[in-house]
C-alpha atoms as a PDB file:
ATOM      1  CA  MET A   1      85.082  94.709  78.787  1.00  0.00           C
ATOM      2  CA  ASN A   2      82.659  97.279  80.038  1.00  0.00           C
ATOM      3  CA  THR A   3      81.839 100.313  77.957  1.00  0.00           C
ATOM      4  CA  ILE A   4      82.416 103.724  79.533  1.00  0.00           C
ATOM      5  CA  LYS A   5      78.604 104.123  79.578  1.00  0.00           C
ATOM      6  CA  LYS A   6      78.174 100.915  81.453  1.00  0.00           C
ATOM      7  CA  GLU A   7      80.854 101.974  84.006  1.00  0.00           C
ATOM      8  CA  ALA A   8      79.232 105.364  84.475  1.00  0.00           C
ATOM      9  CA  ILE A   9      75.907 103.757  85.122  1.00  0.00           C
ATOM     10  CA  ASP A  10      77.361 101.302  87.579  1.00  0.00           C
ATOM     11  CA  ILE A  11      79.136 104.190  89.497  1.00  0.00           C
ATOM     12  CA  ILE A  12      75.962 106.228  89.626  1.00  0.00           C
ATOM     13  CA  ALA A  13      73.870 103.241  90.690  1.00  0.00           C
ATOM     14  CA  LYS A  14      76.170 102.738  93.685  1.00  0.00           C
ATOM     15  CA  LEU A  15      75.637 106.284  94.938  1.00  0.00           C
ATOM     16  CA  PRO A  16      72.995 106.900  97.573  1.00  0.00           C
ATOM     17  CA  ASP A  17      69.528 108.033  96.488  1.00  0.00           C
ATOM     18  CA  ASP A  18      70.111 111.511  97.909  1.00  0.00           C
ATOM     19  CA  ALA A  19      73.351 112.095  96.010  1.00  0.00           C
ATOM     20  CA  SER A  20      73.660 115.519  94.509  1.00  0.00           C
ATOM     21  CA  ILE A  21      74.479 116.357  90.910  1.00  0.00           C
ATOM     22  CA  GLU A  22      77.871 117.514  92.204  1.00  0.00           C
ATOM     23  CA  ASP A  23      78.402 114.071  93.738  1.00  0.00           C
ATOM     24  CA  ILE A  24      77.654 112.384  90.413  1.00  0.00           C
ATOM     25  CA  MET A  25      79.773 114.846  88.389  1.00  0.00           C
ATOM     26  CA  TYR A  26      82.643 114.233  90.793  1.00  0.00           C
ATOM     27  CA  LYS A  27      82.508 110.487  90.482  1.00  0.00           C
ATOM     28  CA  LEU A  28      82.368 110.716  86.661  1.00  0.00           C
ATOM     29  CA  TYR A  29      85.297 113.197  86.686  1.00  0.00           C
ATOM     30  CA  VAL A  30      87.396 110.719  88.794  1.00  0.00           C
ATOM     31  CA  LEU A  31      86.368 107.917  86.429  1.00  0.00           C
ATOM     32  CA  ASP A  32      87.541 110.009  83.489  1.00  0.00           C
ATOM     33  CA  LYS A  33      90.900 110.819  85.102  1.00  0.00           C
ATOM     34  CA  VAL A  34      91.545 107.232  86.038  1.00  0.00           C
ATOM     35  CA  LYS A  35      90.783 106.035  82.503  1.00  0.00           C
ATOM     36  CA  LYS A  36      93.144 108.653  81.067  1.00  0.00           C
ATOM     37  CA  GLY A  37      95.795 107.695  83.513  1.00  0.00           C
ATOM     38  CA  GLN A  38      95.493 104.062  82.521  1.00  0.00           C
ATOM     39  CA  GLU A  39      95.749 105.014  78.871  1.00  0.00           C
ATOM     40  CA  ASP A  40      98.915 107.049  79.595  1.00  0.00           C
ATOM     41  CA  ILE A  41     100.464 104.127  81.369  1.00  0.00           C
ATOM     42  CA  LYS A  42      99.733 101.699  78.487  1.00  0.00           C
ATOM     43  CA  SER A  43     101.268 104.182  75.968  1.00  0.00           C
ATOM     44  CA  GLY A  44     104.359 104.640  78.133  1.00  0.00           C
ATOM     45  CA  ASN A  45     103.572 108.219  79.010  1.00  0.00           C
ATOM     46  CA  PHE A  46     104.559 108.336  82.646  1.00  0.00           C
ATOM     47  CA  VAL A  47     107.363 109.223  85.019  1.00  0.00           C
ATOM     48  CA  THR A  48     108.769 106.798  87.499  1.00  0.00           C
ATOM     49  CA  SER A  49     108.892 107.627  91.214  1.00  0.00           C
ATOM     50  CA  ASP A  50     112.768 107.837  91.022  1.00  0.00           C
ATOM     51  CA  GLU A  51     112.537 110.302  88.147  1.00  0.00           C
ATOM     52  CA  LEU A  52     110.022 112.357  89.993  1.00  0.00           C
ATOM     53  CA  ARG A  53     112.173 112.442  93.120  1.00  0.00           C
ATOM     54  CA  LYS A  54     115.143 113.653  91.067  1.00  0.00           C
ATOM     55  CA  GLU A  55     112.965 116.373  89.421  1.00  0.00           C
ATOM     56  CA  ILE A  56     111.588 117.544  92.763  1.00  0.00           C
ATOM     57  CA  GLU A  57     115.143 117.890  94.146  1.00  0.00           C
ATOM     58  CA  LEU A  58     115.834 120.399  91.378  1.00  0.00           C
ATOM     59  CA  TRP A  59     113.039 122.692  92.544  1.00  0.00           C
END
């Protein structure tokens, strides 16, 4: 299993040499959100697509 530091380094290494600090920050932001989403799924903290459709119909 990769550590978050290793994953961040790998993501940054794949960016082009002329990547801006904003590009790097965005990629790390996305990595963070994906990790948090995966943790939520593992803990059962999510809404099914059917539940979401029903909720949207109430809007």
